[in-house]
């Protein structure tokens, strides 16, 4: 929706395994319960790849309460 985390809510998370399998997780307003996604984002055995991930990681922390790690950012 934008890039202001106090104003713009989390709407969609797009995931890929890097082998051609993609998944979309859509969030309705006020409904941010995604336990499987949170487990994946916090899994220390999986590196999460972002491009300029600072905003994305902050939004995930704000709305899902998850610390995404470890990460690799291409920016």
C-alpha atoms as a PDB file:
ATOM      1  CA  UNK A   1       0.000   0.000   0.000  1.00  0.00           C
ATOM      2  CA  UNK A   2       2.930   2.323   0.609  1.00  0.00           C
ATOM      3  CA  UNK A   3       6.088   2.719   2.605  1.00  0.00           C
ATOM      4  CA  UNK A   4       4.928   4.346   5.851  1.00  0.00           C
ATOM      5  CA  UNK A   5       4.616   1.646   8.490  1.00  0.00           C
ATOM      6  CA  UNK A   6       2.487   3.793  10.817  1.00  0.00           C
ATOM      7  CA  UNK A   7      -0.074   4.306   8.035  1.00  0.00           C
ATOM      8  CA  UNK A   8       0.190   1.400   5.608  1.00  0.00           C
ATOM      9  CA  UNK A   9      -0.778  -2.105   6.672  1.00  0.00           C
ATOM     10  CA  UNK A  10       0.579  -5.484   5.709  1.00  0.00           C
ATOM     11  CA  UNK A  11      -1.474  -6.782   2.768  1.00  0.00           C
ATOM     12  CA  UNK A  12       0.488  -9.559   1.085  1.00  0.00           C
ATOM     13  CA  UNK A  13       3.580 -11.698   1.589  1.00  0.00           C
ATOM     14  CA  UNK A  14       5.070 -13.449  -1.434  1.00  0.00           C
ATOM     15  CA  UNK A  15       7.365 -16.420  -0.841  1.00  0.00           C
ATOM     16  CA  UNK A  16       9.454 -18.569  -3.159  1.00  0.00           C
ATOM     17  CA  UNK A  17      11.588 -21.614  -2.506  1.00  0.00           C
ATOM     18  CA  UNK A  18      13.918 -20.610  -5.351  1.00  0.00           C
ATOM     19  CA  UNK A  19      13.045 -23.755  -7.302  1.00  0.00           C
ATOM     20  CA  UNK A  20       9.902 -22.448  -9.000  1.00  0.00           C
ATOM     21  CA  UNK A  21       7.420 -22.913  -6.156  1.00  0.00           C
ATOM     22  CA  UNK A  22       5.730 -19.658  -5.060  1.00  0.00           C
ATOM     23  CA  UNK A  23       3.156 -18.922  -2.383  1.00  0.00           C
ATOM     24  CA  UNK A  24       1.132 -15.826  -1.544  1.00  0.00           C
ATOM     25  CA  UNK A  25      -0.213 -15.042   1.919  1.00  0.00           C
ATOM     26  CA  UNK A  26      -2.912 -12.368   1.823  1.00  0.00           C
ATOM     27  CA  UNK A  27      -3.969 -10.492   4.947  1.00  0.00           C
ATOM     28  CA  UNK A  28      -7.365  -8.929   5.467  1.00  0.00           C
ATOM     29  CA  UNK A  29      -7.562  -5.712   7.521  1.00  0.00           C
ATOM     30  CA  UNK A  30      -7.059  -6.486  11.201  1.00  0.00           C
ATOM     31  CA  UNK A  31      -6.374 -10.197  10.601  1.00  0.00           C
ATOM     32  CA  UNK A  32      -2.674 -10.895  10.975  1.00  0.00           C
ATOM     33  CA  UNK A  33      -2.628 -14.435  12.341  1.00  0.00           C
ATOM     34  CA  UNK A  34      -0.136 -16.521  10.338  1.00  0.00           C
ATOM     35  CA  UNK A  35       1.592 -19.046  12.637  1.00  0.00           C
ATOM     36  CA  UNK A  36       3.151 -21.094   9.819  1.00  0.00           C
ATOM     37  CA  UNK A  37       4.570 -17.995   8.167  1.00  0.00           C
ATOM     38  CA  UNK A  38       5.965 -16.798  11.507  1.00  0.00           C
ATOM     39  CA  UNK A  39       7.664 -20.167  12.070  1.00  0.00           C
ATOM     40  CA  UNK A  40       9.244 -19.974   8.636  1.00  0.00           C
ATOM     41  CA  UNK A  41      10.453 -16.385   9.067  1.00  0.00           C
ATOM     42  CA  UNK A  42      12.014 -17.144  12.456  1.00  0.00           C
ATOM     43  CA  UNK A  43      13.592 -20.480  11.413  1.00  0.00           C
ATOM     44  CA  UNK A  44      17.342 -20.143  12.076  1.00  0.00           C
ATOM     45  CA  UNK A  45      18.129 -22.887   9.538  1.00  0.00           C
ATOM     46  CA  UNK A  46      16.634 -20.988   6.570  1.00  0.00           C
ATOM     47  CA  UNK A  47      18.197 -17.850   5.146  1.00  0.00           C
ATOM     48  CA  UNK A  48      15.549 -15.385   3.982  1.00  0.00           C
ATOM     49  CA  UNK A  49      16.493 -13.386   0.882  1.00  0.00           C
ATOM     50  CA  UNK A  50      15.262  -9.791   0.527  1.00  0.00           C
ATOM     51  CA  UNK A  51      15.944  -6.926  -1.841  1.00  0.00           C
ATOM     52  CA  UNK A  52      16.234  -3.791   0.279  1.00  0.00           C
ATOM     53  CA  UNK A  53      14.484  -5.635   3.075  1.00  0.00           C
ATOM     54  CA  UNK A  54      14.633  -2.997   5.813  1.00  0.00           C
ATOM     55  CA  UNK A  55      11.009  -1.910   5.348  1.00  0.00           C
ATOM     56  CA  UNK A  56       9.677  -5.429   4.732  1.00  0.00           C
ATOM     57  CA  UNK A  57      11.365  -6.810   7.837  1.00  0.00           C
ATOM     58  CA  UNK A  58      10.067  -3.907   9.941  1.00  0.00           C
ATOM     59  CA  UNK A  59       6.487  -4.425   8.687  1.00  0.00           C
ATOM     60  CA  UNK A  60       6.683  -8.177   9.400  1.00  0.00           C
ATOM     61  CA  UNK A  61       7.914  -7.412  12.919  1.00  0.00           C
ATOM     62  CA  UNK A  62       5.207  -4.796  13.492  1.00  0.00           C
ATOM     63  CA  UNK A  63       2.221  -6.816  12.252  1.00  0.00           C
ATOM     64  CA  UNK A  64       3.265 -10.409  12.941  1.00  0.00           C
ATOM     65  CA  UNK A  65       5.527  -9.858  15.951  1.00  0.00           C
ATOM     66  CA  UNK A  66       8.230 -12.029  14.386  1.00  0.00           C
ATOM     67  CA  UNK A  67      11.940 -11.359  14.136  1.00  0.00           C
ATOM     68  CA  UNK A  68      12.979 -12.463  10.668  1.00  0.00           C
ATOM     69  CA  UNK A  69      16.409 -14.081  10.775  1.00  0.00           C
ATOM     70  CA  UNK A  70      18.819 -14.982   9.355  1.00  0.00           C
ATOM     71  CA  UNK A  71      18.523 -12.736   6.324  1.00  0.00           C
ATOM     72  CA  UNK A  72      20.492 -11.841   3.221  1.00  0.00           C
ATOM     73  CA  UNK A  73      19.731  -8.499   1.592  1.00  0.00           C
ATOM     74  CA  UNK A  74      20.721  -7.829  -2.037  1.00  0.00           C
ATOM     75  CA  UNK A  75      20.779  -4.036  -1.610  1.00  0.00           C
END
